[in-house]
Amino acid sequence: MANGKVKNKSYKRKDVSEGYERIDTFDAKGIARIGGHYTDILKAIGEDPNREGLKRTPERVAKAMQFLTHGYDLDPAAILKSAMFKEDYSQMVLVKDIEVYSMCEHHMLPFFGKAHIAYIPNGCITGLSKIPRVVDAFARRLQVQERLTNEIRDCLHDTLKPLGVAVVMECAHLCMQMRGIQKQNSVTTTSAFTGIFLDDLAHAKSSSSSSAPNCTRDMEPNTLQQQPTTIYGPESGSSTRTFLASVFSYMATALVISGVMAW
């Protein structure tokens, strides 16, 4: 896809059975190839791919996989550049509660939740809708939450060149809920920062406690930037609120942050 539109796809089908006209466009060769593999998978698990309920399942799954991974065809930086404007605004821009749907690359099961993204412009802003589009461009790929958080941060920082970027993401992972450890209430929170946000984080960590590990206080900012904070478990929301309150304290925006994290 490019700017939200499918490119280089040739499979088209009109469907008016649902009371409206719908045109789906997919890669015909990809559909056939992926669908053939799913036919084999159905046979391997003991199913009959020719029974009524499964006859078109390989095709449906192939289309679903193309949609769920269409982020590979998107250029997130180009999305931001398509709506960049010079603006004399240097306070925090915050877009919260962005829905996130992605696929865990380890088990190819969904993980989903919300992203909260803030940046401080340095003479240039982007259209507000472009930020959720960037999230989707990276999320619609095989991912891990930690890398997804970093990729969104880096794209905003490298393209807009702001004074700072902050990304916080909280997701539920079906690979932990419907299989494996099967913990239904588990959530994972990740965060990544640059610029002013990162400087304030380093200061908060260095002054928070004299018993803090030296390795944390002595880390270089660039090293710290490459390590997103990851919090596991049902208490992650509370931990994230406390964490962000420290990061954004330089703007005295405790009330704003409390509202952001109260999802």
Protein backbone atom coordinates (compact mmCIF):
# COMPACT_ATOMS: atom_id res chain seq x y z
CA MET A 1 0.00 0.00 0.00
CA ALA A 2 1.02 3.63 -0.43
CA ASN A 3 -0.63 6.38 1.60
CA GLY A 4 -3.33 3.92 2.57
CA LYS A 5 -4.01 2.61 -0.95
CA VAL A 6 -3.22 -0.87 -2.23
CA LYS A 7 -0.55 -0.99 -4.90
CA ASN A 8 0.43 -3.68 -7.41
CA LYS A 9 -2.65 -5.76 -6.65
CA SER A 10 -4.69 -7.46 -9.35
CA TYR A 11 -7.36 -9.62 -7.72
CA LYS A 12 -10.73 -7.81 -7.81
CA ARG A 13 -14.16 -8.97 -6.71
CA LYS A 14 -17.46 -7.12 -6.46
CA ASP A 15 -19.88 -8.21 -3.77
CA VAL A 16 -23.42 -6.82 -3.66
CA SER A 17 -24.92 -9.60 -1.54
CA GLU A 18 -24.62 -7.51 1.64
CA GLY A 19 -26.76 -4.66 0.32
CA TYR A 20 -23.93 -2.43 -0.89
CA GLU A 21 -21.21 -2.56 -3.49
CA ARG A 22 -17.81 -3.60 -2.20
CA ILE A 23 -14.68 -3.90 -4.29
CA ASP A 24 -11.79 -5.88 -2.83
CA THR A 25 -8.37 -5.65 -4.45
CA PHE A 26 -5.65 -8.17 -3.64
CA ASP A 27 -2.55 -9.77 -5.13
CA ALA A 28 -3.97 -12.71 -7.09
CA LYS A 29 -0.71 -14.68 -7.15
CA GLY A 30 -0.20 -14.11 -3.44
CA ILE A 31 -3.74 -15.25 -2.67
CA ALA A 32 -3.25 -18.47 -4.63
CA ARG A 33 0.14 -19.20 -3.07
CA ILE A 34 -0.86 -18.47 0.53
CA GLY A 35 -4.23 -20.17 0.10
CA GLY A 36 -2.55 -23.34 -1.17
CA HIS A 37 -0.45 -23.53 1.98
CA TYR A 38 -3.52 -23.13 4.18
CA THR A 39 -5.24 -25.94 2.31
CA ASP A 40 -2.30 -28.15 3.28
CA ILE A 41 -2.49 -26.92 6.88
CA LEU A 42 -6.19 -27.86 7.07
CA LYS A 43 -5.35 -31.35 5.86
CA ALA A 44 -2.43 -31.60 8.30
CA ILE A 45 -4.63 -30.88 11.33
CA GLY A 46 -7.14 -33.51 10.23
CA GLU A 47 -9.76 -31.32 8.57
CA ASP A 48 -11.48 -31.76 5.23
CA PRO A 49 -10.83 -28.60 3.17
CA ASN A 50 -13.62 -29.62 0.78
CA ARG A 51 -16.42 -29.55 3.31
CA GLU A 52 -18.90 -26.70 2.99
CA GLY A 53 -17.62 -24.51 5.82
CA LEU A 54 -14.00 -24.72 4.68
CA LYS A 55 -14.20 -24.55 0.89
CA ARG A 56 -13.26 -20.86 0.72
CA THR A 57 -11.38 -20.70 4.03
CA PRO A 58 -7.88 -20.81 2.47
CA GLU A 59 -8.80 -17.88 0.20
CA ARG A 60 -10.32 -15.92 3.09
CA VAL A 61 -7.29 -16.49 5.31
CA ALA A 62 -4.92 -15.52 2.50
CA LYS A 63 -6.80 -12.23 2.02
CA ALA A 64 -6.80 -11.64 5.76
CA MET A 65 -3.04 -12.18 5.93
CA GLN A 66 -2.45 -9.74 3.09
CA PHE A 67 -4.48 -7.10 4.92
CA LEU A 68 -2.93 -7.79 8.31
CA THR A 69 0.57 -7.40 6.86
CA HIS A 70 -0.03 -4.60 4.34
CA GLY A 71 2.26 -2.35 6.38
CA TYR A 72 5.20 -3.79 4.43
CA ASP A 73 3.92 -1.85 1.41
CA LEU A 74 3.74 1.45 3.31
CA ASP A 75 6.41 4.10 3.83
CA PRO A 76 5.75 5.64 7.27
CA ALA A 77 8.16 8.53 6.71
CA ALA A 78 6.41 9.39 3.43
CA ILE A 79 3.10 9.43 5.27
CA LEU A 80 4.42 12.10 7.66
CA LYS A 81 6.06 14.09 4.86
CA SER A 82 2.79 14.20 2.92
CA ALA A 83 1.41 16.65 5.52
CA MET A 84 4.26 18.59 7.08
CA PHE A 85 3.77 22.28 7.82
CA LYS A 86 5.90 25.06 9.22
CA GLU A 87 4.33 26.28 12.43
CA ASP A 88 5.57 28.38 15.34
CA TYR A 89 4.36 25.99 18.04
CA SER A 90 6.73 24.54 20.61
CA GLN A 91 4.47 22.91 23.21
CA MET A 92 3.55 19.26 23.47
CA VAL A 93 1.29 17.73 20.81
CA LEU A 94 -0.37 14.62 22.21
CA VAL A 95 -2.46 12.06 20.33
CA LYS A 96 -3.84 9.47 22.72
CA ASP A 97 -5.88 6.27 22.63
CA ILE A 98 -4.75 5.22 19.14
CA GLU A 99 -6.01 1.71 18.49
CA VAL A 100 -3.23 -0.78 17.76
CA TYR A 101 -3.72 -4.13 16.04
CA SER A 102 -0.65 -6.18 15.17
CA MET A 103 0.60 -9.76 14.81
CA CYS A 104 3.16 -11.33 17.11
CA GLU A 105 6.01 -12.61 14.96
CA HIS A 106 6.70 -15.50 17.34
CA HIS A 107 3.31 -17.23 17.15
CA MET A 108 1.53 -15.15 14.48
CA LEU A 109 -1.28 -14.40 16.90
CA PRO A 110 -2.73 -10.92 17.39
CA PHE A 111 -1.76 -8.40 20.02
CA PHE A 112 -3.79 -5.25 20.40
CA GLY A 113 -4.26 -2.22 22.60
CA LYS A 114 -3.63 1.52 22.54
CA ALA A 115 -0.76 3.86 21.77
CA HIS A 116 -0.22 7.36 23.17
CA ILE A 117 2.18 9.56 21.23
CA ALA A 118 3.55 12.99 22.08
CA TYR A 119 6.07 15.22 20.36
CA ILE A 120 7.32 18.76 20.84
CA PRO A 121 7.62 20.54 17.46
CA ASN A 122 10.76 22.37 16.47
CA GLY A 123 9.29 24.60 13.78
CA CYS A 124 7.42 21.84 11.95
CA ILE A 125 4.21 19.92 12.64
CA THR A 126 2.43 17.10 10.85
CA GLY A 127 -1.25 16.44 10.21
CA LEU A 128 -2.81 14.80 13.25
CA SER A 129 -4.23 11.90 11.23
CA LYS A 130 -0.74 11.03 10.02
CA ILE A 131 0.35 9.89 13.46
CA PRO A 132 -2.24 7.06 13.68
CA ARG A 133 -1.39 6.19 10.07
CA VAL A 134 2.25 5.78 11.03
CA VAL A 135 1.18 3.51 13.89
CA ASP A 136 -0.80 1.35 11.46
CA ALA A 137 2.03 1.27 8.92
CA PHE A 138 4.35 -0.31 11.48
CA ALA A 139 1.68 -2.36 13.31
CA ARG A 140 0.40 -4.09 10.16
CA ARG A 141 3.51 -6.25 10.01
CA LEU A 142 4.85 -9.20 11.98
CA GLN A 143 6.04 -7.46 15.12
CA VAL A 144 7.10 -7.51 18.73
CA GLN A 145 5.73 -4.72 20.87
CA GLU A 146 9.16 -3.48 21.93
CA ARG A 147 10.35 -2.98 18.35
CA LEU A 148 7.02 -1.49 17.29
CA THR A 149 7.34 1.15 20.02
CA ASN A 150 10.87 2.03 18.92
CA GLU A 151 10.02 2.16 15.22
CA ILE A 152 7.19 4.63 15.76
CA ARG A 153 9.44 6.80 17.94
CA ASP A 154 12.33 6.74 15.48
CA CYS A 155 10.14 7.55 12.48
CA LEU A 156 8.66 10.62 14.18
CA HIS A 157 12.04 11.76 15.47
CA ASP A 158 13.95 11.29 12.20
CA THR A 159 11.25 12.77 9.97
CA LEU A 160 9.90 15.70 11.99
CA LYS A 161 13.16 16.42 13.86
CA PRO A 162 11.24 17.65 16.92
CA LEU A 163 12.60 18.63 20.32
CA GLY A 164 11.43 15.31 21.67
CA VAL A 165 9.18 12.29 21.08
CA ALA A 166 7.41 10.08 23.62
CA VAL A 167 5.62 6.84 22.74
CA VAL A 168 3.73 4.68 25.24
CA MET A 169 1.92 1.51 24.23
CA GLU A 170 -0.16 -0.95 26.23
CA CYS A 171 -1.29 -4.19 24.60
CA ALA A 172 -2.84 -7.56 25.35
CA HIS A 173 -1.14 -10.51 23.65
CA LEU A 174 -3.23 -13.50 22.62
CA CYS A 175 -0.09 -15.66 22.63
CA MET A 176 -0.14 -15.18 26.42
CA GLN A 177 -3.91 -15.39 26.82
CA MET A 178 -5.29 -18.15 24.61
CA ARG A 179 -2.20 -20.42 24.68
CA GLY A 180 0.98 -20.91 26.68
CA ILE A 181 0.75 -19.34 30.15
CA GLN A 182 -2.94 -18.40 29.52
CA LYS A 183 -3.00 -15.31 31.73
CA GLN A 184 -6.18 -13.53 30.69
CA ASN A 185 -5.58 -10.24 32.49
CA SER A 186 -1.95 -9.74 31.53
CA VAL A 187 -0.96 -6.58 29.70
CA THR A 188 2.37 -5.30 28.45
CA THR A 189 3.36 -1.63 28.52
CA THR A 190 6.31 -0.32 26.54
CA SER A 191 7.65 3.21 26.23
CA ALA A 192 10.34 4.98 24.22
CA PHE A 193 11.58 8.57 24.32
CA THR A 194 13.93 11.00 22.57
CA GLY A 195 15.14 14.54 23.09
CA ILE A 196 13.65 16.57 25.93
CA PHE A 197 11.60 13.62 27.13
CA LEU A 198 14.68 11.44 27.29
CA ASP A 199 16.75 14.11 29.08
CA ASP A 200 14.03 14.52 31.70
CA LEU A 201 13.80 10.74 32.10
CA ALA A 202 17.55 10.45 32.66
CA HIS A 203 17.41 13.25 35.24
CA ALA A 204 14.44 11.66 37.01
CA LYS A 205 16.19 8.30 37.17
CA SER A 206 19.47 9.75 38.42
CA SER A 207 17.78 11.68 41.24
CA SER A 208 15.01 9.25 42.16
CA SER A 209 16.94 7.18 44.71
CA SER A 210 20.48 6.87 46.00
CA SER A 211 20.02 3.11 45.92
CA ALA A 212 19.33 3.04 42.19
CA PRO A 213 21.74 0.78 40.25
CA ASN A 214 24.78 2.66 38.97
CA CYS A 215 24.30 1.11 35.54
CA THR A 216 21.04 3.07 35.17
CA ARG A 217 22.44 6.44 36.25
CA ASP A 218 25.60 6.06 34.19
CA MET A 219 23.97 5.04 30.93
CA GLU A 220 24.59 7.38 28.04
CA PRO A 221 21.42 9.05 26.64
CA ASN A 222 21.85 7.39 23.25
CA THR A 223 22.09 3.99 24.91
CA LEU A 224 19.03 4.71 26.99
CA GLN A 225 17.16 5.70 23.86
CA GLN A 226 17.64 2.24 22.39
CA GLN A 227 16.09 0.50 25.42
CA PRO A 228 12.30 0.87 25.62
CA THR A 229 10.85 0.39 29.07
CA THR A 230 8.76 -2.77 29.28
CA ILE A 231 6.31 -3.44 32.10
CA TYR A 232 4.40 -6.71 32.38
CA GLY A 233 1.27 -7.48 34.36
CA PRO A 234 -2.05 -5.93 35.39
CA GLU A 235 -0.36 -3.14 37.38
CA SER A 236 1.40 -1.73 34.32
CA GLY A 237 -1.18 1.04 33.89
CA SER A 238 -0.42 2.46 37.32
CA SER A 239 3.32 2.12 36.77
CA THR A 240 3.07 3.88 33.44
CA ARG A 241 1.16 6.81 34.92
CA THR A 242 3.89 7.30 37.51
CA PHE A 243 6.59 6.90 34.91
CA LEU A 244 5.11 9.44 32.52
CA ALA A 245 4.38 11.92 35.29
CA SER A 246 8.13 12.05 35.90
CA VAL A 247 8.99 12.31 32.22
CA PHE A 248 6.61 15.20 31.56
CA SER A 249 7.13 17.00 34.87
CA TYR A 250 9.21 19.72 33.26
CA MET A 251 5.97 21.02 31.71
CA ALA A 252 3.95 20.62 34.91
CA THR A 253 1.43 18.53 32.99
CA ALA A 254 0.62 15.96 35.67
CA LEU A 255 -3.11 16.43 35.12
CA VAL A 256 -2.75 15.94 31.38
CA ILE A 257 -0.76 12.76 31.81
CA SER A 258 -3.24 11.38 34.34
CA GLY A 259 -5.96 11.86 31.74
CA VAL A 260 -3.87 10.28 28.98
CA MET A 261 -3.18 7.14 30.89
CA ALA A 262 -6.69 6.69 32.28
CA TRP A 263 -7.79 4.37 29.46
